[in-house]
Amino acid sequence: MKLMQLSRLLQLASPALPVGAYTYSQGLEWAVESGVIRDEASALQWIADLLEWNLGRFEAPLLARLLAAARAAEDLAPLNETFLASRETSELRAETVQMGYSMTRLLGELEDFPRSALDALRSLDQPSFPAAWACAAVAWEIDDESALTAYLWSWAENQVMAALKAGPLGQAAGQRVLLALGERIPPVVEHALALDATEFSNFAPGFAIACSRHETQYSRLFRS
């Protein structure tokens, strides 16, 4: 990878990207509240299971398809609608719509961002975050493997930060969890790139229940 592509990739994966990711926990806050996540081991198990069985079998392979569609200048709407339809709770749907909107707006404010990529995003009624992220990665000539790795790393980092803020993890424990998750990302990426569309599955009932319960959680820091 060329240094400019690496620089752009780090920018996309940075927690400083102003899309509001830090305000969401994707049900992790409820898992802490309920005692499912209570220490380093249980936090790693929860996040790693989601990485492999949820993101790795649906969101990551769908992102790979979005990258391919954006690179071929194909219509992103069918894949974008598929992702929106997969969001099982109102909070999860609102999260990806808000982050997709923020990402699209940000890209529109960057003077050197290709207008064709921006127009493709703006043609969508409600751009999801993966659709907007894929358009940026393709416009900045980032290869699929690197793009998926960075996307999953960014998600994992946000999950660990949510666990730190919610209480059960300290800073050192958070870094140990990230190291363990980092080892699991490469095989998840490899599997996602090879997965046939007929095998896509986001069946994770525990995750859906956590996200649903979070919607009525009395005391909370996060929006999902």
C-alpha atoms as a PDB file:
ATOM      1  CA  MET A   1       0.000   0.000   0.000  1.00  0.00           C
ATOM      2  CA  LYS A   2       1.287   3.451  -0.909  1.00  0.00           C
ATOM      3  CA  LEU A   3       1.875   5.913   1.917  1.00  0.00           C
ATOM      4  CA  MET A   4      -0.942   8.224   0.795  1.00  0.00           C
ATOM      5  CA  GLN A   5      -3.434   5.331   0.786  1.00  0.00           C
ATOM      6  CA  LEU A   6      -2.205   4.305   4.234  1.00  0.00           C
ATOM      7  CA  SER A   7      -2.655   7.853   5.480  1.00  0.00           C
ATOM      8  CA  ARG A   8      -6.225   7.965   4.154  1.00  0.00           C
ATOM      9  CA  LEU A   9      -6.965   4.557   5.645  1.00  0.00           C
ATOM     10  CA  LEU A  10      -5.767   5.670   9.072  1.00  0.00           C
ATOM     11  CA  GLN A  11      -7.975   8.736   8.751  1.00  0.00           C
ATOM     12  CA  LEU A  12     -11.009   6.566   7.983  1.00  0.00           C
ATOM     13  CA  ALA A  13     -10.309   4.294  10.950  1.00  0.00           C
ATOM     14  CA  SER A  14      -9.502   7.110  13.361  1.00  0.00           C
ATOM     15  CA  PRO A  15     -11.776   7.687  16.389  1.00  0.00           C
ATOM     16  CA  ALA A  16     -11.418  11.375  15.480  1.00  0.00           C
ATOM     17  CA  LEU A  17     -13.546  10.826  12.362  1.00  0.00           C
ATOM     18  CA  PRO A  18     -16.499  13.144  13.110  1.00  0.00           C
ATOM     19  CA  VAL A  19     -19.388  10.728  12.542  1.00  0.00           C
ATOM     20  CA  GLY A  20     -20.449  10.235  16.163  1.00  0.00           C
ATOM     21  CA  ALA A  21     -19.407   6.578  16.532  1.00  0.00           C
ATOM     22  CA  TYR A  22     -18.291   7.187  20.116  1.00  0.00           C
ATOM     23  CA  THR A  23     -21.888   7.888  21.173  1.00  0.00           C
ATOM     24  CA  TYR A  24     -23.034   4.312  20.401  1.00  0.00           C
ATOM     25  CA  SER A  25     -22.377   1.012  22.178  1.00  0.00           C
ATOM     26  CA  GLN A  26     -24.568  -1.331  20.056  1.00  0.00           C
ATOM     27  CA  GLY A  27     -26.128  -3.016  23.065  1.00  0.00           C
ATOM     28  CA  LEU A  28     -22.876  -3.355  25.007  1.00  0.00           C
ATOM     29  CA  GLU A  29     -24.052  -0.868  27.634  1.00  0.00           C
ATOM     30  CA  TRP A  30     -27.059  -3.073  28.411  1.00  0.00           C
ATOM     31  CA  ALA A  31     -24.787  -6.141  28.533  1.00  0.00           C
ATOM     32  CA  VAL A  32     -22.774  -4.352  31.241  1.00  0.00           C
ATOM     33  CA  GLU A  33     -25.906  -3.235  33.079  1.00  0.00           C
ATOM     34  CA  SER A  34     -27.305  -6.769  33.097  1.00  0.00           C
ATOM     35  CA  GLY A  35     -24.051  -8.369  34.238  1.00  0.00           C
ATOM     36  CA  VAL A  36     -23.381 -10.286  31.024  1.00  0.00           C
ATOM     37  CA  ILE A  37     -20.196  -8.216  30.690  1.00  0.00           C
ATOM     38  CA  ARG A  38     -18.558  -7.900  34.086  1.00  0.00           C
ATOM     39  CA  ASP A  39     -14.803  -8.210  33.543  1.00  0.00           C
ATOM     40  CA  GLU A  40     -12.056  -8.511  30.936  1.00  0.00           C
ATOM     41  CA  ALA A  41     -12.833 -12.102  29.961  1.00  0.00           C
ATOM     42  CA  SER A  42     -16.561 -11.551  29.479  1.00  0.00           C
ATOM     43  CA  ALA A  43     -15.952  -8.319  27.537  1.00  0.00           C
ATOM     44  CA  LEU A  44     -13.595 -10.133  25.172  1.00  0.00           C
ATOM     45  CA  GLN A  45     -16.056 -12.970  24.693  1.00  0.00           C
ATOM     46  CA  TRP A  46     -18.958 -10.622  23.913  1.00  0.00           C
ATOM     47  CA  ILE A  47     -17.047  -8.443  21.445  1.00  0.00           C
ATOM     48  CA  ALA A  48     -15.193 -11.332  19.796  1.00  0.00           C
ATOM     49  CA  ASP A  49     -18.409 -13.317  19.310  1.00  0.00           C
ATOM     50  CA  LEU A  50     -20.043 -10.320  17.642  1.00  0.00           C
ATOM     51  CA  LEU A  51     -16.977  -9.822  15.472  1.00  0.00           C
ATOM     52  CA  GLU A  52     -17.007 -13.405  14.223  1.00  0.00           C
ATOM     53  CA  TRP A  53     -20.685 -14.351  14.160  1.00  0.00           C
ATOM     54  CA  ASN A  54     -22.371 -11.042  13.359  1.00  0.00           C
ATOM     55  CA  LEU A  55     -20.070  -8.591  11.605  1.00  0.00           C
ATOM     56  CA  GLY A  56     -17.909 -11.302  10.097  1.00  0.00           C
ATOM     57  CA  ARG A  57     -20.837 -13.119   8.494  1.00  0.00           C
ATOM     58  CA  PHE A  58     -22.945 -10.174   7.386  1.00  0.00           C
ATOM     59  CA  GLU A  59     -21.678  -6.614   7.776  1.00  0.00           C
ATOM     60  CA  ALA A  60     -18.113  -7.307   6.627  1.00  0.00           C
ATOM     61  CA  PRO A  61     -19.048  -9.363   3.528  1.00  0.00           C
ATOM     62  CA  LEU A  62     -21.740  -6.817   2.674  1.00  0.00           C
ATOM     63  CA  LEU A  63     -19.130  -4.069   2.961  1.00  0.00           C
ATOM     64  CA  ALA A  64     -16.962  -6.057   0.538  1.00  0.00           C
ATOM     65  CA  ARG A  65     -19.868  -6.054  -1.934  1.00  0.00           C
ATOM     66  CA  LEU A  66     -20.346  -2.308  -1.409  1.00  0.00           C
ATOM     67  CA  LEU A  67     -16.656  -1.737  -2.135  1.00  0.00           C
ATOM     68  CA  ALA A  68     -16.944  -3.729  -5.349  1.00  0.00           C
ATOM     69  CA  ALA A  69     -20.093  -1.878  -6.402  1.00  0.00           C
ATOM     70  CA  ALA A  70     -18.564   1.527  -5.692  1.00  0.00           C
ATOM     71  CA  ARG A  71     -15.421   0.603  -7.619  1.00  0.00           C
ATOM     72  CA  ALA A  72     -17.501  -0.492 -10.620  1.00  0.00           C
ATOM     73  CA  ALA A  73     -19.730   2.619 -10.356  1.00  0.00           C
ATOM     74  CA  GLU A  74     -22.777   0.379  -9.884  1.00  0.00           C
ATOM     75  CA  ASP A  75     -26.007   1.311  -8.118  1.00  0.00           C
ATOM     76  CA  LEU A  76     -25.447   1.117  -4.356  1.00  0.00           C
ATOM     77  CA  ALA A  77     -29.136   1.244  -3.470  1.00  0.00           C
ATOM     78  CA  PRO A  78     -29.883  -2.533  -3.300  1.00  0.00           C
ATOM     79  CA  LEU A  79     -26.960  -3.236  -0.975  1.00  0.00           C
ATOM     80  CA  ASN A  80     -27.658  -0.123   1.067  1.00  0.00           C
ATOM     81  CA  GLU A  81     -31.305  -1.131   1.523  1.00  0.00           C
ATOM     82  CA  THR A  82     -30.252  -4.642   2.490  1.00  0.00           C
ATOM     83  CA  PHE A  83     -28.084  -3.275   5.266  1.00  0.00           C
ATOM     84  CA  LEU A  84     -30.781  -0.915   6.519  1.00  0.00           C
ATOM     85  CA  ALA A  85     -33.282  -3.776   6.564  1.00  0.00           C
ATOM     86  CA  SER A  86     -30.882  -5.877   8.639  1.00  0.00           C
ATOM     87  CA  ARG A  87     -30.901  -3.400  11.531  1.00  0.00           C
ATOM     88  CA  GLU A  88     -33.064  -5.151  14.101  1.00  0.00           C
ATOM     89  CA  THR A  89     -33.937  -2.268  16.410  1.00  0.00           C
ATOM     90  CA  SER A  90     -34.831   1.379  15.966  1.00  0.00           C
ATOM     91  CA  GLU A  91     -31.594   2.430  17.709  1.00  0.00           C
ATOM     92  CA  LEU A  92     -29.419   0.379  15.368  1.00  0.00           C
ATOM     93  CA  ARG A  93     -31.166   1.766  12.310  1.00  0.00           C
ATOM     94  CA  ALA A  94     -30.972   5.334  13.615  1.00  0.00           C
ATOM     95  CA  GLU A  95     -27.259   4.800  14.334  1.00  0.00           C
ATOM     96  CA  THR A  96     -26.257   3.778  10.813  1.00  0.00           C
ATOM     97  CA  VAL A  97     -28.496   6.432   9.218  1.00  0.00           C
ATOM     98  CA  GLN A  98     -27.035   9.177  11.410  1.00  0.00           C
ATOM     99  CA  MET A  99     -23.453   8.044  10.860  1.00  0.00           C
ATOM    100  CA  GLY A 100     -24.058   7.621   7.123  1.00  0.00           C
ATOM    101  CA  TYR A 101     -25.494  11.131   6.939  1.00  0.00           C
ATOM    102  CA  SER A 102     -22.556  12.568   8.902  1.00  0.00           C
ATOM    103  CA  MET A 103     -20.031  10.738   6.730  1.00  0.00           C
ATOM    104  CA  THR A 104     -21.691  11.930   3.525  1.00  0.00           C
ATOM    105  CA  ARG A 105     -21.755  15.496   4.804  1.00  0.00           C
ATOM    106  CA  LEU A 106     -18.098  15.295   5.825  1.00  0.00           C
ATOM    107  CA  LEU A 107     -17.014  13.985   2.426  1.00  0.00           C
ATOM    108  CA  GLY A 108     -18.932  16.812   0.774  1.00  0.00           C
ATOM    109  CA  GLU A 109     -16.872  19.321   2.740  1.00  0.00           C
ATOM    110  CA  LEU A 110     -13.553  17.860   1.564  1.00  0.00           C
ATOM    111  CA  GLU A 111     -12.449  19.841  -1.484  1.00  0.00           C
ATOM    112  CA  ASP A 112     -10.515  17.011  -3.141  1.00  0.00           C
ATOM    113  CA  PHE A 113     -13.140  14.289  -2.695  1.00  0.00           C
ATOM    114  CA  PRO A 114     -14.352  13.007  -6.112  1.00  0.00           C
ATOM    115  CA  ARG A 115     -17.740  14.449  -7.064  1.00  0.00           C
ATOM    116  CA  SER A 116     -18.795  11.216  -8.765  1.00  0.00           C
ATOM    117  CA  ALA A 117     -18.422   9.259  -5.521  1.00  0.00           C
ATOM    118  CA  LEU A 118     -20.279  11.949  -3.611  1.00  0.00           C
ATOM    119  CA  ASP A 119     -23.103  11.980  -6.160  1.00  0.00           C
ATOM    120  CA  ALA A 120     -23.462   8.195  -5.830  1.00  0.00           C
ATOM    121  CA  LEU A 121     -23.898   8.592  -2.086  1.00  0.00           C
ATOM    122  CA  ARG A 122     -26.283  11.515  -2.342  1.00  0.00           C
ATOM    123  CA  SER A 123     -28.469   9.534  -4.731  1.00  0.00           C
ATOM    124  CA  LEU A 124     -29.347   7.208  -1.842  1.00  0.00           C
ATOM    125  CA  ASP A 125     -32.413   8.114   0.179  1.00  0.00           C
ATOM    126  CA  GLN A 126     -30.702   7.179   3.461  1.00  0.00           C
ATOM    127  CA  PRO A 127     -27.020   6.297   3.046  1.00  0.00           C
ATOM    128  CA  SER A 128     -25.940   3.727   5.621  1.00  0.00           C
ATOM    129  CA  PHE A 129     -22.574   4.105   7.276  1.00  0.00           C
ATOM    130  CA  PRO A 130     -21.025   1.115   5.438  1.00  0.00           C
ATOM    131  CA  ALA A 131     -22.143   2.568   2.088  1.00  0.00           C
ATOM    132  CA  ALA A 132     -20.593   5.949   2.850  1.00  0.00           C
ATOM    133  CA  TRP A 133     -17.449   4.328   4.233  1.00  0.00           C
ATOM    134  CA  ALA A 134     -17.085   2.132   1.135  1.00  0.00           C
ATOM    135  CA  CYS A 135     -17.368   5.132  -1.192  1.00  0.00           C
ATOM    136  CA  ALA A 136     -14.620   6.920   0.708  1.00  0.00           C
ATOM    137  CA  ALA A 137     -12.333   3.879   0.694  1.00  0.00           C
ATOM    138  CA  VAL A 138     -12.756   3.352  -3.046  1.00  0.00           C
ATOM    139  CA  ALA A 139     -12.301   7.048  -3.835  1.00  0.00           C
ATOM    140  CA  TRP A 140      -9.029   6.992  -1.905  1.00  0.00           C
ATOM    141  CA  GLU A 141      -7.881   3.813  -3.712  1.00  0.00           C
ATOM    142  CA  ILE A 142      -7.740   1.591  -0.637  1.00  0.00           C
ATOM    143  CA  ASP A 143      -7.728  -2.133  -1.371  1.00  0.00           C
ATOM    144  CA  ASP A 144     -10.541  -4.339  -0.088  1.00  0.00           C
ATOM    145  CA  GLU A 145      -8.491  -6.328   2.418  1.00  0.00           C
ATOM    146  CA  SER A 146      -7.083  -3.203   4.050  1.00  0.00           C
ATOM    147  CA  ALA A 147     -10.468  -1.473   4.007  1.00  0.00           C
ATOM    148  CA  LEU A 148     -12.220  -4.364   5.741  1.00  0.00           C
ATOM    149  CA  THR A 149      -9.426  -4.695   8.289  1.00  0.00           C
ATOM    150  CA  ALA A 150      -9.602  -1.008   9.172  1.00  0.00           C
ATOM    151  CA  TYR A 151     -13.406  -1.020   9.334  1.00  0.00           C
ATOM    152  CA  LEU A 152     -13.473  -3.957  11.742  1.00  0.00           C
ATOM    153  CA  TRP A 153     -10.628  -2.536  13.813  1.00  0.00           C
ATOM    154  CA  SER A 154     -12.474   0.771  14.147  1.00  0.00           C
ATOM    155  CA  TRP A 155     -15.611  -1.078  15.280  1.00  0.00           C
ATOM    156  CA  ALA A 156     -13.650  -3.182  17.784  1.00  0.00           C
ATOM    157  CA  GLU A 157     -11.886  -0.132  19.182  1.00  0.00           C
ATOM    158  CA  ASN A 158     -15.207   1.634  19.666  1.00  0.00           C
ATOM    159  CA  GLN A 159     -16.627  -1.410  21.477  1.00  0.00           C
ATOM    160  CA  VAL A 160     -13.650  -1.529  23.821  1.00  0.00           C
ATOM    161  CA  MET A 161     -13.910   2.195  24.499  1.00  0.00           C
ATOM    162  CA  ALA A 162     -17.591   1.716  25.325  1.00  0.00           C
ATOM    163  CA  ALA A 163     -16.632  -1.003  27.802  1.00  0.00           C
ATOM    164  CA  LEU A 164     -14.071   1.318  29.390  1.00  0.00           C
ATOM    165  CA  LYS A 165     -16.622   4.100  29.761  1.00  0.00           C
ATOM    166  CA  ALA A 166     -19.315   1.762  31.086  1.00  0.00           C
ATOM    167  CA  GLY A 167     -17.028   0.566  33.839  1.00  0.00           C
ATOM    168  CA  PRO A 168     -15.929  -3.084  33.709  1.00  0.00           C
ATOM    169  CA  LEU A 169     -12.557  -2.494  31.993  1.00  0.00           C
ATOM    170  CA  GLY A 170      -9.465  -0.508  32.903  1.00  0.00           C
ATOM    171  CA  GLN A 171      -7.002   0.922  30.401  1.00  0.00           C
ATOM    172  CA  ALA A 172      -4.538  -2.003  30.482  1.00  0.00           C
ATOM    173  CA  ALA A 173      -7.354  -4.543  30.240  1.00  0.00           C
ATOM    174  CA  GLY A 174      -8.770  -2.639  27.280  1.00  0.00           C
ATOM    175  CA  GLN A 175      -5.454  -2.882  25.456  1.00  0.00           C
ATOM    176  CA  ARG A 176      -5.232  -6.610  26.150  1.00  0.00           C
ATOM    177  CA  VAL A 177      -8.725  -7.067  24.721  1.00  0.00           C
ATOM    178  CA  LEU A 178      -7.773  -5.035  21.629  1.00  0.00           C
ATOM    179  CA  LEU A 179      -4.654  -7.158  21.115  1.00  0.00           C
ATOM    180  CA  ALA A 180      -6.756 -10.307  21.260  1.00  0.00           C
ATOM    181  CA  LEU A 181      -9.353  -8.872  18.886  1.00  0.00           C
ATOM    182  CA  GLY A 182      -6.619  -7.727  16.502  1.00  0.00           C
ATOM    183  CA  GLU A 183      -5.466 -11.330  16.166  1.00  0.00           C
ATOM    184  CA  ARG A 184      -8.987 -12.407  15.196  1.00  0.00           C
ATOM    185  CA  ILE A 185      -9.627  -9.747  12.564  1.00  0.00           C
ATOM    186  CA  PRO A 186      -7.435 -11.132   9.714  1.00  0.00           C
ATOM    187  CA  PRO A 187      -9.255 -14.511   9.483  1.00  0.00           C
ATOM    188  CA  VAL A 188     -12.602 -12.709   9.724  1.00  0.00           C
ATOM    189  CA  VAL A 189     -11.586 -10.493   6.793  1.00  0.00           C
ATOM    190  CA  GLU A 190     -10.407 -13.476   4.764  1.00  0.00           C
ATOM    191  CA  HIS A 191     -13.672 -15.304   5.382  1.00  0.00           C
ATOM    192  CA  ALA A 192     -15.781 -12.228   4.600  1.00  0.00           C
ATOM    193  CA  LEU A 193     -14.077 -11.706   1.251  1.00  0.00           C
ATOM    194  CA  ALA A 194     -14.718 -15.322   0.263  1.00  0.00           C
ATOM    195  CA  LEU A 195     -18.268 -15.696   1.613  1.00  0.00           C
ATOM    196  CA  ASP A 196     -20.991 -16.289  -0.960  1.00  0.00           C
ATOM    197  CA  ALA A 197     -24.014 -14.002  -0.714  1.00  0.00           C
ATOM    198  CA  THR A 198     -26.274 -17.005  -0.078  1.00  0.00           C
ATOM    199  CA  GLU A 199     -24.341 -17.637   3.141  1.00  0.00           C
ATOM    200  CA  PHE A 200     -24.700 -14.146   4.617  1.00  0.00           C
ATOM    201  CA  SER A 201     -26.234 -14.261   8.108  1.00  0.00           C
ATOM    202  CA  ASN A 202     -26.546 -11.813  10.973  1.00  0.00           C
ATOM    203  CA  PHE A 203     -28.398 -14.263  13.222  1.00  0.00           C
ATOM    204  CA  ALA A 204     -27.340 -13.147  16.700  1.00  0.00           C
ATOM    205  CA  PRO A 205     -30.403 -13.210  18.986  1.00  0.00           C
ATOM    206  CA  GLY A 206     -28.454 -12.234  22.111  1.00  0.00           C
ATOM    207  CA  PHE A 207     -27.206  -9.118  20.360  1.00  0.00           C
ATOM    208  CA  ALA A 208     -30.711  -8.228  19.145  1.00  0.00           C
ATOM    209  CA  ILE A 209     -32.122  -8.661  22.655  1.00  0.00           C
ATOM    210  CA  ALA A 210     -29.373  -6.485  24.149  1.00  0.00           C
ATOM    211  CA  CYS A 211     -30.074  -3.731  21.623  1.00  0.00           C
ATOM    212  CA  SER A 212     -33.817  -3.948  22.253  1.00  0.00           C
ATOM    213  CA  ARG A 213     -33.389  -3.830  26.036  1.00  0.00           C
ATOM    214  CA  HIS A 214     -31.094  -0.816  25.714  1.00  0.00           C
ATOM    215  CA  GLU A 215     -33.931   1.195  24.174  1.00  0.00           C
ATOM    216  CA  THR A 216     -35.737   1.200  27.546  1.00  0.00           C
ATOM    217  CA  GLN A 217     -32.692   1.190  29.826  1.00  0.00           C
ATOM    218  CA  TYR A 218     -33.266   3.834  32.491  1.00  0.00           C
ATOM    219  CA  SER A 219     -29.701   5.077  33.083  1.00  0.00           C
ATOM    220  CA  ARG A 220     -27.358   5.140  30.114  1.00  0.00           C
ATOM    221  CA  LEU A 221     -24.452   6.960  28.494  1.00  0.00           C
ATOM    222  CA  PHE A 222     -24.850   5.733  24.910  1.00  0.00           C
ATOM    223  CA  ARG A 223     -27.433   6.118  22.159  1.00  0.00           C
ATOM    224  CA  SER A 224     -27.518   2.405  21.311  1.00  0.00           C
END
